Amino acid sequence: MNTHQENKVNHITDIIQVMNSSIDFYEKAQEKVQDPAIGALFQRMIDARKVSVENLQPYAINEQGEREDGSSFAVEARRAYTSVVPHP
């Protein structure tokens, strides 16, 4: 029974990494927009993700003994790919 619970917790760090990547994405996007309404929307997305990450940190600490501050390699790789591929 405890093994099932441990399997759930093992995915917490993955979720945090993806959320950290999305925070970074929205922060960079926010710098590029000129419309204040869109900037405010991005800020709400950033704030919501930061709160969620903080709420998940105790589970990451329980899982790996420290906070998870990394980002997802898959998300970072996709971002790098889209930055070098020519856009029509």
N, C-alpha and C. Protein backbone atom coordinates (compact mmCIF):
# COMPACT_ATOMS: atom_id res chain seq x y z
N MET A 1 0.82 -1.19 0.00
CA MET A 1 0.00 0.00 0.00
C MET A 1 0.87 1.26 0.00
N ASN A 2 1.89 1.28 0.81
CA ASN A 2 2.76 2.44 0.88
C ASN A 2 3.50 2.66 -0.44
N THR A 3 3.77 1.58 -1.18
CA THR A 3 4.45 1.69 -2.46
C THR A 3 3.64 2.52 -3.44
N HIS A 4 2.33 2.33 -3.45
CA HIS A 4 1.46 3.12 -4.34
C HIS A 4 1.58 4.60 -4.02
N GLN A 5 1.60 4.94 -2.75
CA GLN A 5 1.73 6.33 -2.35
C GLN A 5 3.10 6.88 -2.77
N GLU A 6 4.15 6.09 -2.63
CA GLU A 6 5.48 6.53 -3.03
C GLU A 6 5.54 6.78 -4.53
N ASN A 7 4.86 5.97 -5.34
CA ASN A 7 4.84 6.17 -6.78
C ASN A 7 4.20 7.50 -7.14
N LYS A 8 3.17 7.89 -6.43
CA LYS A 8 2.54 9.19 -6.67
C LYS A 8 3.52 10.33 -6.37
N VAL A 9 4.23 10.21 -5.27
CA VAL A 9 5.13 11.27 -4.83
C VAL A 9 6.31 11.40 -5.78
N ASN A 10 6.75 10.32 -6.41
CA ASN A 10 7.89 10.39 -7.32
C ASN A 10 7.64 11.31 -8.50
N HIS A 11 6.42 11.61 -8.80
CA HIS A 11 6.11 12.47 -9.92
C HIS A 11 6.02 13.95 -9.52
N ILE A 12 6.08 14.23 -8.26
CA ILE A 12 5.97 15.62 -7.79
C ILE A 12 7.12 16.46 -8.34
N THR A 13 8.33 15.94 -8.30
CA THR A 13 9.46 16.73 -8.79
C THR A 13 9.33 17.01 -10.28
N ASP A 14 8.78 16.05 -11.03
CA ASP A 14 8.55 16.28 -12.46
C ASP A 14 7.55 17.42 -12.67
N ILE A 15 6.50 17.42 -11.89
CA ILE A 15 5.48 18.47 -12.00
C ILE A 15 6.10 19.82 -11.66
N ILE A 16 6.89 19.88 -10.61
CA ILE A 16 7.54 21.13 -10.22
C ILE A 16 8.48 21.61 -11.32
N GLN A 17 9.23 20.71 -11.92
CA GLN A 17 10.14 21.09 -12.99
C GLN A 17 9.40 21.69 -14.18
N VAL A 18 8.30 21.07 -14.56
CA VAL A 18 7.50 21.60 -15.68
C VAL A 18 6.92 22.96 -15.30
N MET A 19 6.45 23.10 -14.08
CA MET A 19 5.89 24.38 -13.65
C MET A 19 6.97 25.46 -13.60
N ASN A 20 8.17 25.11 -13.16
CA ASN A 20 9.27 26.08 -13.16
C ASN A 20 9.59 26.53 -14.58
N SER A 21 9.56 25.60 -15.52
CA SER A 21 9.80 25.96 -16.92
C SER A 21 8.71 26.89 -17.44
N SER A 22 7.48 26.63 -17.04
CA SER A 22 6.39 27.50 -17.51
C SER A 22 6.47 28.88 -16.87
N ILE A 23 6.94 28.96 -15.63
CA ILE A 23 7.15 30.27 -14.99
C ILE A 23 8.17 31.05 -15.80
N ASP A 24 9.26 30.40 -16.15
CA ASP A 24 10.30 31.05 -16.95
C ASP A 24 9.75 31.49 -18.31
N PHE A 25 8.95 30.64 -18.94
CA PHE A 25 8.34 30.98 -20.23
C PHE A 25 7.48 32.24 -20.12
N TYR A 26 6.60 32.28 -19.13
CA TYR A 26 5.71 33.43 -18.97
C TYR A 26 6.47 34.70 -18.60
N GLU A 27 7.54 34.56 -17.81
CA GLU A 27 8.34 35.74 -17.46
C GLU A 27 9.00 36.33 -18.71
N LYS A 28 9.54 35.46 -19.56
CA LYS A 28 10.17 35.94 -20.80
C LYS A 28 9.13 36.51 -21.75
N ALA A 29 7.99 35.87 -21.85
CA ALA A 29 6.92 36.36 -22.72
C ALA A 29 6.40 37.70 -22.24
N GLN A 30 6.31 37.86 -20.93
CA GLN A 30 5.81 39.10 -20.35
C GLN A 30 6.71 40.28 -20.72
N GLU A 31 8.01 40.03 -20.82
CA GLU A 31 8.95 41.09 -21.19
C GLU A 31 8.75 41.56 -22.64
N LYS A 32 8.17 40.69 -23.47
CA LYS A 32 8.06 40.98 -24.90
C LYS A 32 6.72 41.59 -25.31
N VAL A 33 5.73 41.51 -24.45
CA VAL A 33 4.40 42.02 -24.83
C VAL A 33 4.29 43.50 -24.48
N GLN A 34 3.51 44.19 -25.28
CA GLN A 34 3.29 45.61 -25.03
C GLN A 34 1.91 45.89 -24.45
N ASP A 35 1.01 44.96 -24.63
CA ASP A 35 -0.36 45.13 -24.14
C ASP A 35 -0.38 44.87 -22.63
N PRO A 36 -0.75 45.88 -21.83
CA PRO A 36 -0.77 45.69 -20.37
C PRO A 36 -1.72 44.59 -19.91
N ALA A 37 -2.81 44.38 -20.64
CA ALA A 37 -3.76 43.34 -20.25
C ALA A 37 -3.12 41.95 -20.41
N ILE A 38 -2.37 41.77 -21.47
CA ILE A 38 -1.69 40.49 -21.67
C ILE A 38 -0.58 40.33 -20.64
N GLY A 39 0.14 41.40 -20.37
CA GLY A 39 1.17 41.36 -19.33
C GLY A 39 0.58 40.98 -17.97
N ALA A 40 -0.59 41.52 -17.66
CA ALA A 40 -1.25 41.21 -16.39
C ALA A 40 -1.70 39.74 -16.37
N LEU A 41 -2.18 39.26 -17.51
CA LEU A 41 -2.58 37.85 -17.61
C LEU A 41 -1.37 36.96 -17.37
N PHE A 42 -0.24 37.28 -18.00
CA PHE A 42 0.97 36.50 -17.79
C PHE A 42 1.39 36.54 -16.33
N GLN A 43 1.26 37.69 -15.69
CA GLN A 43 1.63 37.80 -14.28
C GLN A 43 0.75 36.91 -13.40
N ARG A 44 -0.53 36.85 -13.71
CA ARG A 44 -1.42 35.94 -12.96
C ARG A 44 -1.01 34.49 -13.15
N MET A 45 -0.60 34.13 -14.38
CA MET A 45 -0.15 32.77 -14.64
C MET A 45 1.13 32.48 -13.85
N ILE A 46 2.04 33.43 -13.83
CA ILE A 46 3.29 33.29 -13.07
C ILE A 46 2.99 33.11 -11.59
N ASP A 47 2.16 33.99 -11.05
CA ASP A 47 1.84 33.95 -9.62
C ASP A 47 1.18 32.63 -9.23
N ALA A 48 0.24 32.17 -10.04
CA ALA A 48 -0.47 30.91 -9.74
C ALA A 48 0.50 29.74 -9.74
N ARG A 49 1.41 29.72 -10.68
CA ARG A 49 2.37 28.62 -10.74
C ARG A 49 3.36 28.68 -9.58
N LYS A 50 3.78 29.88 -9.20
CA LYS A 50 4.70 30.00 -8.07
C LYS A 50 4.05 29.51 -6.78
N VAL A 51 2.79 29.84 -6.59
CA VAL A 51 2.07 29.37 -5.39
C VAL A 51 1.97 27.84 -5.42
N SER A 52 1.65 27.29 -6.57
CA SER A 52 1.54 25.83 -6.69
C SER A 52 2.87 25.15 -6.43
N VAL A 53 3.94 25.71 -6.97
CA VAL A 53 5.28 25.14 -6.75
C VAL A 53 5.60 25.15 -5.25
N GLU A 54 5.33 26.26 -4.59
CA GLU A 54 5.61 26.34 -3.16
C GLU A 54 4.78 25.32 -2.38
N ASN A 55 3.53 25.12 -2.79
CA ASN A 55 2.68 24.15 -2.10
C ASN A 55 3.17 22.72 -2.31
N LEU A 56 3.85 22.46 -3.42
CA LEU A 56 4.35 21.11 -3.71
C LEU A 56 5.74 20.85 -3.13
N GLN A 57 6.46 21.89 -2.74
CA GLN A 57 7.83 21.72 -2.26
C GLN A 57 7.96 20.75 -1.07
N PRO A 58 7.06 20.76 -0.10
CA PRO A 58 7.21 19.79 1.00
C PRO A 58 7.22 18.34 0.51
N TYR A 59 6.48 18.05 -0.55
CA TYR A 59 6.46 16.70 -1.10
C TYR A 59 7.78 16.39 -1.81
N ALA A 60 8.34 17.38 -2.48
CA ALA A 60 9.64 17.20 -3.12
C ALA A 60 10.72 16.96 -2.07
N ILE A 61 10.67 17.72 -0.99
CA ILE A 61 11.64 17.55 0.09
C ILE A 61 11.50 16.16 0.70
N ASN A 62 10.27 15.71 0.86
CA ASN A 62 10.03 14.38 1.39
C ASN A 62 10.59 13.32 0.44
N GLU A 63 10.48 13.57 -0.85
CA GLU A 63 10.93 12.62 -1.86
C GLU A 63 12.44 12.58 -2.01
N GLN A 64 13.07 13.77 -2.11
CA GLN A 64 14.49 13.79 -2.44
C GLN A 64 15.37 14.47 -1.40
N GLY A 65 14.78 14.95 -0.33
CA GLY A 65 15.56 15.54 0.75
C GLY A 65 15.90 17.00 0.57
N GLU A 66 15.43 17.61 -0.53
CA GLU A 66 15.69 19.04 -0.76
C GLU A 66 14.62 19.60 -1.69
N ARG A 67 14.59 20.92 -1.76
CA ARG A 67 13.65 21.59 -2.66
C ARG A 67 13.96 21.25 -4.10
N GLU A 68 12.96 21.26 -4.94
CA GLU A 68 13.17 21.08 -6.38
C GLU A 68 13.13 22.46 -7.03
N ASP A 69 14.26 22.89 -7.55
CA ASP A 69 14.33 24.21 -8.18
C ASP A 69 14.68 24.13 -9.66
N GLY A 70 14.79 22.91 -10.18
CA GLY A 70 15.15 22.73 -11.58
C GLY A 70 13.96 22.91 -12.50
N SER A 71 14.26 22.82 -13.79
CA SER A 71 13.20 22.89 -14.79
C SER A 71 13.25 21.62 -15.62
N SER A 72 12.22 21.41 -16.39
CA SER A 72 12.08 20.19 -17.16
C SER A 72 12.97 20.23 -18.40
N PHE A 73 13.78 19.20 -18.58
CA PHE A 73 14.63 19.13 -19.76
C PHE A 73 13.79 19.09 -21.03
N ALA A 74 12.69 18.35 -21.01
CA ALA A 74 11.83 18.26 -22.20
C ALA A 74 11.29 19.62 -22.60
N VAL A 75 10.87 20.40 -21.62
CA VAL A 75 10.35 21.74 -21.91
C VAL A 75 11.46 22.63 -22.43
N GLU A 76 12.63 22.56 -21.81
CA GLU A 76 13.77 23.37 -22.24
C GLU A 76 14.23 22.97 -23.64
N ALA A 77 14.23 21.68 -23.94
CA ALA A 77 14.63 21.22 -25.27
C ALA A 77 13.66 21.72 -26.33
N ARG A 78 12.37 21.67 -26.04
CA ARG A 78 11.37 22.16 -26.99
C ARG A 78 11.54 23.65 -27.22
N ARG A 79 11.82 24.39 -26.16
CA ARG A 79 12.02 25.83 -26.29
C ARG A 79 13.25 26.12 -27.16
N ALA A 80 14.33 25.38 -26.93
CA ALA A 80 15.55 25.57 -27.73
C ALA A 80 15.29 25.23 -29.19
N TYR A 81 14.56 24.17 -29.44
CA TYR A 81 14.25 23.76 -30.81
C TYR A 81 13.43 24.83 -31.53
N THR A 82 12.42 25.36 -30.87
CA THR A 82 11.57 26.35 -31.53
C THR A 82 12.31 27.67 -31.74
N SER A 83 13.36 27.91 -30.97
CA SER A 83 14.11 29.15 -31.16
C SER A 83 15.06 29.08 -32.35
N VAL A 84 15.43 27.88 -32.79
CA VAL A 84 16.34 27.75 -33.92
C VAL A 84 15.66 27.37 -35.22
N VAL A 85 14.44 26.88 -35.15
CA VAL A 85 13.70 26.50 -36.35
C VAL A 85 13.12 27.75 -36.99
N PRO A 86 13.35 27.94 -38.31
CA PRO A 86 12.79 29.13 -38.96
C PRO A 86 11.27 29.10 -38.95
N HIS A 87 10.69 30.24 -38.72
CA HIS A 87 9.23 30.36 -38.70
C HIS A 87 8.78 30.97 -40.02
N PRO A 88 7.73 30.40 -40.63
CA PRO A 88 7.26 30.93 -41.92
C PRO A 88 6.72 32.33 -41.82
